[in-house]
N, C-alpha and C. Protein backbone atom coordinates (compact mmCIF):
# COMPACT_ATOMS: atom_id res chain seq x y z
N MET A 1 -6.52 3.26 3.60
CA MET A 1 -5.13 3.00 3.44
C MET A 1 -4.54 2.37 4.71
N ILE A 2 -4.95 2.85 5.85
CA ILE A 2 -4.45 2.31 7.12
C ILE A 2 -4.89 0.85 7.27
N PHE A 3 -6.11 0.55 6.87
CA PHE A 3 -6.62 -0.82 6.95
C PHE A 3 -5.76 -1.76 6.12
N LEU A 4 -5.40 -1.35 4.90
CA LEU A 4 -4.61 -2.21 4.03
C LEU A 4 -3.22 -2.46 4.58
N VAL A 5 -2.61 -1.46 5.19
CA VAL A 5 -1.29 -1.65 5.80
C VAL A 5 -1.40 -2.63 6.97
N GLY A 6 -2.43 -2.46 7.78
CA GLY A 6 -2.65 -3.40 8.89
C GLY A 6 -2.91 -4.81 8.41
N ALA A 7 -3.67 -4.94 7.34
CA ALA A 7 -3.94 -6.26 6.77
C ALA A 7 -2.65 -6.88 6.24
N ALA A 8 -1.80 -6.09 5.61
CA ALA A 8 -0.53 -6.61 5.09
C ALA A 8 0.35 -7.11 6.24
N ILE A 9 0.39 -6.35 7.33
CA ILE A 9 1.18 -6.78 8.49
C ILE A 9 0.64 -8.10 9.03
N GLU A 10 -0.66 -8.23 9.10
CA GLU A 10 -1.28 -9.47 9.59
C GLU A 10 -0.97 -10.65 8.66
N HIS A 11 -1.01 -10.42 7.35
CA HIS A 11 -0.69 -11.49 6.39
C HIS A 11 0.75 -11.95 6.56
N VAL A 12 1.67 -11.02 6.69
CA VAL A 12 3.08 -11.37 6.87
C VAL A 12 3.27 -12.10 8.20
N TYR A 13 2.61 -11.62 9.24
CA TYR A 13 2.70 -12.28 10.56
C TYR A 13 2.22 -13.73 10.46
N ASN A 14 1.07 -13.94 9.83
CA ASN A 14 0.54 -15.30 9.69
C ASN A 14 1.46 -16.17 8.85
N PHE A 15 2.09 -15.60 7.86
CA PHE A 15 3.02 -16.35 7.03
C PHE A 15 4.25 -16.79 7.83
N VAL A 16 4.81 -15.86 8.62
CA VAL A 16 6.04 -16.14 9.35
C VAL A 16 5.77 -17.04 10.56
N VAL A 17 4.79 -16.70 11.37
CA VAL A 17 4.56 -17.41 12.63
C VAL A 17 3.83 -18.74 12.41
N ASN A 18 2.76 -18.71 11.60
CA ASN A 18 1.93 -19.90 11.44
C ASN A 18 2.23 -20.68 10.17
N ASN A 19 3.22 -20.22 9.39
CA ASN A 19 3.56 -20.85 8.12
C ASN A 19 2.33 -20.99 7.22
N ASP A 20 1.49 -19.97 7.22
CA ASP A 20 0.25 -19.96 6.44
C ASP A 20 0.56 -19.51 5.02
N ILE A 21 0.61 -20.48 4.11
CA ILE A 21 0.95 -20.16 2.72
C ILE A 21 -0.26 -20.32 1.80
N GLN A 22 -1.45 -20.19 2.36
CA GLN A 22 -2.66 -20.28 1.55
C GLN A 22 -2.72 -19.09 0.59
N PRO A 23 -3.33 -19.29 -0.59
CA PRO A 23 -3.42 -18.19 -1.56
C PRO A 23 -4.15 -16.96 -1.01
N GLY A 24 -5.05 -17.14 -0.06
CA GLY A 24 -5.76 -16.01 0.52
C GLY A 24 -4.94 -15.23 1.53
N ASN A 25 -3.77 -15.75 1.88
CA ASN A 25 -2.92 -15.07 2.86
C ASN A 25 -1.71 -14.43 2.20
N VAL A 26 -1.04 -15.14 1.35
CA VAL A 26 0.11 -14.59 0.63
C VAL A 26 -0.16 -14.76 -0.86
N GLY A 27 0.38 -13.89 -1.61
CA GLY A 27 0.15 -13.92 -3.05
C GLY A 27 -0.43 -12.59 -3.49
N THR A 28 -1.44 -12.67 -4.32
CA THR A 28 -2.01 -11.45 -4.89
C THR A 28 -2.61 -10.54 -3.83
N ILE A 29 -3.23 -11.11 -2.83
CA ILE A 29 -3.87 -10.29 -1.80
C ILE A 29 -2.82 -9.51 -1.02
N LEU A 30 -1.70 -10.13 -0.73
CA LEU A 30 -0.62 -9.42 -0.02
C LEU A 30 -0.03 -8.33 -0.90
N LEU A 31 0.12 -8.63 -2.16
CA LEU A 31 0.62 -7.63 -3.11
C LEU A 31 -0.33 -6.43 -3.18
N ALA A 32 -1.62 -6.69 -3.20
CA ALA A 32 -2.60 -5.60 -3.24
C ALA A 32 -2.60 -4.81 -1.93
N ASP A 33 -2.47 -5.51 -0.80
CA ASP A 33 -2.45 -4.83 0.49
C ASP A 33 -1.25 -3.91 0.64
N VAL A 34 -0.16 -4.24 -0.01
CA VAL A 34 1.04 -3.40 0.04
C VAL A 34 1.03 -2.40 -1.12
N GLY A 35 0.66 -2.85 -2.29
CA GLY A 35 0.75 -2.03 -3.49
C GLY A 35 -0.20 -0.86 -3.54
N VAL A 36 -1.43 -1.05 -3.11
CA VAL A 36 -2.43 0.02 -3.18
C VAL A 36 -2.02 1.23 -2.33
N PRO A 37 -1.62 1.06 -1.08
CA PRO A 37 -1.18 2.23 -0.31
C PRO A 37 0.06 2.90 -0.89
N VAL A 38 0.99 2.11 -1.42
CA VAL A 38 2.20 2.70 -2.01
C VAL A 38 1.85 3.54 -3.23
N VAL A 39 1.01 3.00 -4.11
CA VAL A 39 0.59 3.76 -5.30
C VAL A 39 -0.20 5.00 -4.90
N ALA A 40 -1.08 4.86 -3.91
CA ALA A 40 -1.86 6.02 -3.45
C ALA A 40 -0.94 7.10 -2.89
N LEU A 41 0.05 6.72 -2.12
CA LEU A 41 0.99 7.69 -1.56
C LEU A 41 1.79 8.39 -2.66
N ILE A 42 2.22 7.64 -3.65
CA ILE A 42 2.95 8.23 -4.78
C ILE A 42 2.07 9.23 -5.51
N LEU A 43 0.81 8.87 -5.76
CA LEU A 43 -0.10 9.78 -6.46
C LEU A 43 -0.40 11.03 -5.64
N ILE A 44 -0.54 10.89 -4.33
CA ILE A 44 -0.79 12.05 -3.46
C ILE A 44 0.40 13.00 -3.50
N LEU A 45 1.61 12.45 -3.38
CA LEU A 45 2.81 13.29 -3.41
C LEU A 45 2.99 13.96 -4.77
N ALA A 46 2.71 13.25 -5.85
CA ALA A 46 2.82 13.84 -7.19
C ALA A 46 1.80 14.95 -7.37
N SER A 47 0.61 14.75 -6.86
CA SER A 47 -0.44 15.76 -6.97
C SER A 47 -0.06 17.03 -6.22
N ARG A 48 0.49 16.87 -5.03
CA ARG A 48 0.92 18.03 -4.25
C ARG A 48 2.04 18.79 -4.96
N ARG A 49 2.97 18.04 -5.55
CA ARG A 49 4.08 18.68 -6.26
C ARG A 49 3.55 19.46 -7.47
N LEU A 50 2.60 18.88 -8.20
CA LEU A 50 2.03 19.57 -9.35
C LEU A 50 1.22 20.80 -8.93
N ASP A 51 0.52 20.71 -7.80
CA ASP A 51 -0.23 21.86 -7.30
C ASP A 51 0.70 23.02 -6.95
N LYS A 52 1.84 22.71 -6.35
CA LYS A 52 2.80 23.76 -6.01
C LYS A 52 3.36 24.42 -7.27
N LYS A 53 3.65 23.61 -8.29
CA LYS A 53 4.17 24.17 -9.53
C LYS A 53 3.11 25.02 -10.23
N ALA A 54 1.86 24.57 -10.21
CA ALA A 54 0.78 25.32 -10.86
C ALA A 54 0.51 26.64 -10.14
N SER A 55 0.59 26.64 -8.83
CA SER A 55 0.34 27.87 -8.10
C SER A 55 1.50 28.86 -8.28
N ALA A 56 2.70 28.37 -8.53
CA ALA A 56 3.84 29.24 -8.76
C ALA A 56 3.74 29.95 -10.11
N LEU A 57 3.03 29.33 -11.05
CA LEU A 57 2.88 29.90 -12.38
C LEU A 57 1.81 31.01 -12.44
N ARG A 58 0.96 31.05 -11.45
CA ARG A 58 -0.14 32.02 -11.45
C ARG A 58 0.32 33.37 -11.09
């Protein structure tokens, strides 16, 4: 997850500073570099919330 966030920062940096608009720099790859960590974080938080609710029912 940390690697993907770092890669996303690098892609944005290259886009802004070097005007690099190649498909390998911005586009789907940037969306994946940002989207995967966000979805993973949402799933982790949802799992923790469900675990707390399940343990309260026991």
